[in-house]
Amino acid sequence: MKAIVKSIQFLTALLILTGIGYGIWYIINLIWRAFSDLNDGIVAAIVTATATFLVTLLSIILGKSYERKLLIEKEMRDKKIPVYNEFIEFIFKILNSSKTNNQLSEKEMTDFVINFTKEILIWGSDDVIFQWSKYRKSALENAMNGSNIDSMFELEKLLIAIRKDTGHKKSKIERGELLRLFINDIDKYIHPK
């Protein structure tokens, strides 16, 4: 039974495609006959006018499409930047709290992680989400074994992903350069991996 249904569907599709092909051939043939009877000057004028119209139409369509794409990117960037700014402020708050011995509570940190994760699920690029996941995993593993060196470099990868997502696509920042902005002795941890 299924074989008969598939055969009928195949024949129907073949008939439809044949009909469409014949229709296109027929229309082209009509146009060809109509133009072959006309004066060469009139044909040239019609072709020129048609080409001008099509190029103008194509330019407008492509321009509007590109403009729409830029508008969407701008709106996305406008939503992302406050989320990323909040993350950067939180990182500096953690760094500052370690210098002033005014540690953040676990609840503050957990609340931030939950809110930031929620925000980047909506607004973050794939790369930012991927790097956030890697950073969280690394931070948890390093917290258990008492070392935070690997998580520092995962944080830097996340910061680079955030920079790319906000428009710094061709960044040439190398390993340790962003961390050097707020970790004075980072050079003794930089080694090729």
Protein backbone atom coordinates (compact mmCIF):
# COMPACT_ATOMS: atom_id res chain seq x y z
CA MET A 1 0.00 0.00 0.00
CA LYS A 2 2.81 2.44 0.94
CA ALA A 3 4.59 1.66 -2.34
CA ILE A 4 1.48 2.57 -4.34
CA VAL A 5 1.05 5.85 -2.42
CA LYS A 6 4.72 6.73 -2.96
CA SER A 7 4.42 5.92 -6.69
CA ILE A 8 1.35 8.14 -7.01
CA GLN A 9 3.10 10.97 -5.13
CA PHE A 10 6.16 10.62 -7.38
CA LEU A 11 4.06 10.67 -10.56
CA THR A 12 2.07 13.67 -9.31
CA ALA A 13 5.27 15.58 -8.51
CA LEU A 14 6.70 14.64 -11.91
CA LEU A 15 3.55 15.86 -13.68
CA ILE A 16 3.59 19.14 -11.73
CA LEU A 17 7.27 19.75 -12.53
CA THR A 18 6.66 18.91 -16.18
CA GLY A 19 3.72 21.34 -16.25
CA ILE A 20 5.79 24.10 -14.66
CA GLY A 21 8.65 23.45 -17.11
CA TYR A 22 6.26 23.55 -20.07
CA GLY A 23 4.66 26.76 -18.73
CA ILE A 24 8.06 28.47 -18.44
CA TRP A 25 9.05 27.28 -21.93
CA TYR A 26 5.73 28.52 -23.34
CA ILE A 27 6.10 31.98 -21.76
CA ILE A 28 9.70 32.33 -22.97
CA ASN A 29 8.61 31.21 -26.44
CA LEU A 30 5.80 33.83 -26.47
CA ILE A 31 8.16 36.58 -25.39
CA TRP A 32 10.74 35.50 -27.98
CA ARG A 33 8.16 35.57 -30.80
CA ALA A 34 6.85 38.97 -29.66
CA PHE A 35 10.36 40.47 -29.66
CA SER A 36 11.46 38.86 -32.91
CA ASP A 37 8.72 40.70 -34.81
CA LEU A 38 9.67 44.12 -33.41
CA ASN A 39 12.08 46.69 -34.79
CA ASP A 40 15.64 46.41 -33.40
CA GLY A 41 15.48 49.94 -31.97
CA ILE A 42 12.32 49.18 -30.04
CA VAL A 43 13.77 45.91 -28.71
CA ALA A 44 16.90 47.72 -27.54
CA ALA A 45 14.80 50.37 -25.77
CA ILE A 46 12.62 47.71 -24.07
CA VAL A 47 15.68 45.71 -22.97
CA THR A 48 17.36 48.86 -21.63
CA ALA A 49 14.25 49.98 -19.75
CA THR A 50 13.70 46.49 -18.33
CA ALA A 51 17.34 46.17 -17.26
CA THR A 52 17.24 49.61 -15.63
CA PHE A 53 14.03 48.73 -13.79
CA LEU A 54 15.38 45.37 -12.60
CA VAL A 55 18.70 46.84 -11.42
CA THR A 56 16.86 49.61 -9.56
CA LEU A 57 14.45 47.13 -7.99
CA LEU A 58 17.29 44.82 -7.00
CA SER A 59 19.26 47.75 -5.51
CA ILE A 60 16.27 48.83 -3.44
CA ILE A 61 15.56 45.30 -2.21
CA LEU A 62 19.20 44.62 -1.32
CA GLY A 63 19.59 48.04 0.29
CA LYS A 64 16.49 47.58 2.44
CA SER A 65 17.59 44.06 3.39
CA TYR A 66 21.04 45.31 4.40
CA GLU A 67 19.52 48.24 6.29
CA ARG A 68 17.18 45.88 8.16
CA LYS A 69 20.09 43.60 9.04
CA LEU A 70 22.07 46.56 10.43
CA LEU A 71 19.05 47.75 12.42
CA ILE A 72 18.59 44.30 13.97
CA GLU A 73 22.31 44.11 14.83
CA LYS A 74 22.13 47.55 16.46
CA GLU A 75 19.07 46.61 18.50
CA MET A 76 20.75 43.38 19.61
CA ARG A 77 23.93 45.26 20.54
CA ASP A 78 21.85 47.78 22.51
CA LYS A 79 20.39 44.90 24.53
CA LYS A 80 23.71 43.06 24.98
CA ILE A 81 25.89 45.93 26.15
CA PRO A 82 24.07 46.55 29.48
CA VAL A 83 24.24 42.81 30.23
CA TYR A 84 27.96 42.68 29.47
CA ASN A 85 28.58 45.92 31.39
CA GLU A 86 26.89 44.40 34.42
CA PHE A 87 29.21 41.38 34.12
CA ILE A 88 32.33 43.55 33.90
CA GLU A 89 31.17 45.61 36.89
CA PHE A 90 30.62 42.40 38.87
CA ILE A 91 34.12 41.14 38.02
CA PHE A 92 35.63 44.42 39.23
CA LYS A 93 33.43 44.29 42.32
CA ILE A 94 34.90 40.84 43.12
CA LEU A 95 38.44 42.08 42.49
CA ASN A 96 37.88 45.17 44.62
CA SER A 97 36.31 43.16 47.44
CA SER A 98 39.40 40.96 47.67
CA LYS A 99 41.55 44.07 48.12
CA THR A 100 39.30 45.64 50.75
CA ASN A 101 38.52 42.38 52.61
CA ASN A 102 34.85 43.11 52.05
CA GLN A 103 33.92 39.76 50.47
CA LEU A 104 30.73 39.31 48.52
CA SER A 105 28.23 36.91 50.02
CA GLU A 106 27.57 33.59 48.36
CA LYS A 107 23.97 34.68 47.79
CA GLU A 108 25.12 37.80 45.89
CA MET A 109 27.37 35.69 43.69
CA THR A 110 24.71 33.02 43.09
CA ASP A 111 22.08 35.64 42.28
CA PHE A 112 24.41 37.31 39.81
CA VAL A 113 25.31 34.01 38.10
CA ILE A 114 21.64 33.07 37.74
CA ASN A 115 20.66 36.50 36.36
CA PHE A 116 23.62 36.74 34.01
CA THR A 117 22.99 33.23 32.69
CA LYS A 118 19.35 34.12 32.08
CA GLU A 119 20.32 37.29 30.22
CA ILE A 120 22.96 35.74 27.96
CA LEU A 121 20.64 32.88 27.05
CA ILE A 122 18.54 35.52 25.35
CA TRP A 123 21.09 38.10 24.19
CA GLY A 124 24.51 36.39 24.14
CA SER A 125 26.14 35.08 21.00
CA ASP A 126 26.86 31.37 20.69
CA ASP A 127 30.53 32.02 21.44
CA VAL A 128 29.73 34.01 24.61
CA ILE A 129 27.38 31.28 25.85
CA PHE A 130 30.00 28.62 25.10
CA GLN A 131 32.76 30.58 26.87
CA TRP A 132 30.48 31.35 29.85
CA SER A 133 29.77 27.64 30.21
CA LYS A 134 33.49 26.81 30.03
CA TYR A 135 34.32 29.54 32.55
CA ARG A 136 31.67 28.37 35.03
CA LYS A 137 32.87 24.77 34.76
CA SER A 138 36.49 25.80 35.19
CA ALA A 139 35.69 28.09 38.13
CA LEU A 140 33.80 25.32 39.93
CA GLU A 141 36.56 22.77 39.33
CA ASN A 142 39.28 25.21 40.40
CA ALA A 143 37.34 26.22 43.51
CA MET A 144 37.33 22.58 44.58
CA ASN A 145 41.07 22.07 44.09
CA GLY A 146 42.08 25.49 45.44
CA SER A 147 43.62 26.88 42.25
CA ASN A 148 42.11 29.59 40.09
CA ILE A 149 44.77 29.93 37.38
CA ASP A 150 42.87 28.04 34.69
CA SER A 151 39.65 29.85 35.48
CA MET A 152 41.45 33.21 35.10
CA PHE A 153 42.35 32.29 31.53
CA GLU A 154 38.82 31.00 30.87
CA LEU A 155 37.57 34.36 32.14
CA GLU A 156 39.85 36.07 29.66
CA LYS A 157 38.44 33.94 26.82
CA LEU A 158 34.96 34.96 27.94
CA LEU A 159 35.96 38.63 27.95
CA ILE A 160 37.38 38.27 24.43
CA ALA A 161 34.15 36.59 23.28
CA ILE A 162 32.17 39.48 24.80
CA ARG A 163 34.39 41.99 23.00
CA LYS A 164 33.84 40.18 19.69
CA ASP A 165 30.10 40.08 20.29
CA THR A 166 30.02 43.85 20.83
CA GLY A 167 31.83 44.63 17.58
CA HIS A 168 35.57 44.02 18.11
CA LYS A 169 35.66 41.24 15.52
CA LYS A 170 39.32 41.42 14.51
CA SER A 171 40.85 41.69 17.93
CA LYS A 172 44.52 40.74 18.15
CA ILE A 173 44.58 40.47 21.94
CA GLU A 174 46.87 37.67 23.03
CA ARG A 175 46.69 35.39 26.04
CA GLY A 176 47.11 37.32 29.28
CA GLU A 177 46.73 40.82 27.85
CA LEU A 178 43.24 41.45 29.21
CA LEU A 179 44.11 39.84 32.55
CA ARG A 180 47.15 42.09 32.77
CA LEU A 181 44.76 45.05 33.05
CA PHE A 182 43.69 43.97 36.52
CA ILE A 183 46.10 41.24 37.66
CA ASN A 184 49.58 42.66 38.23
CA ASP A 185 51.54 39.39 38.38
CA ILE A 186 49.80 37.58 35.50
CA ASP A 187 53.06 37.21 33.56
CA LYS A 188 54.31 34.45 35.83
CA TYR A 189 51.23 32.34 34.91
CA ILE A 190 51.37 32.87 31.17
CA HIS A 191 52.75 29.90 29.35
CA PRO A 192 51.72 28.38 25.99
CA LYS A 193 49.03 25.74 26.18
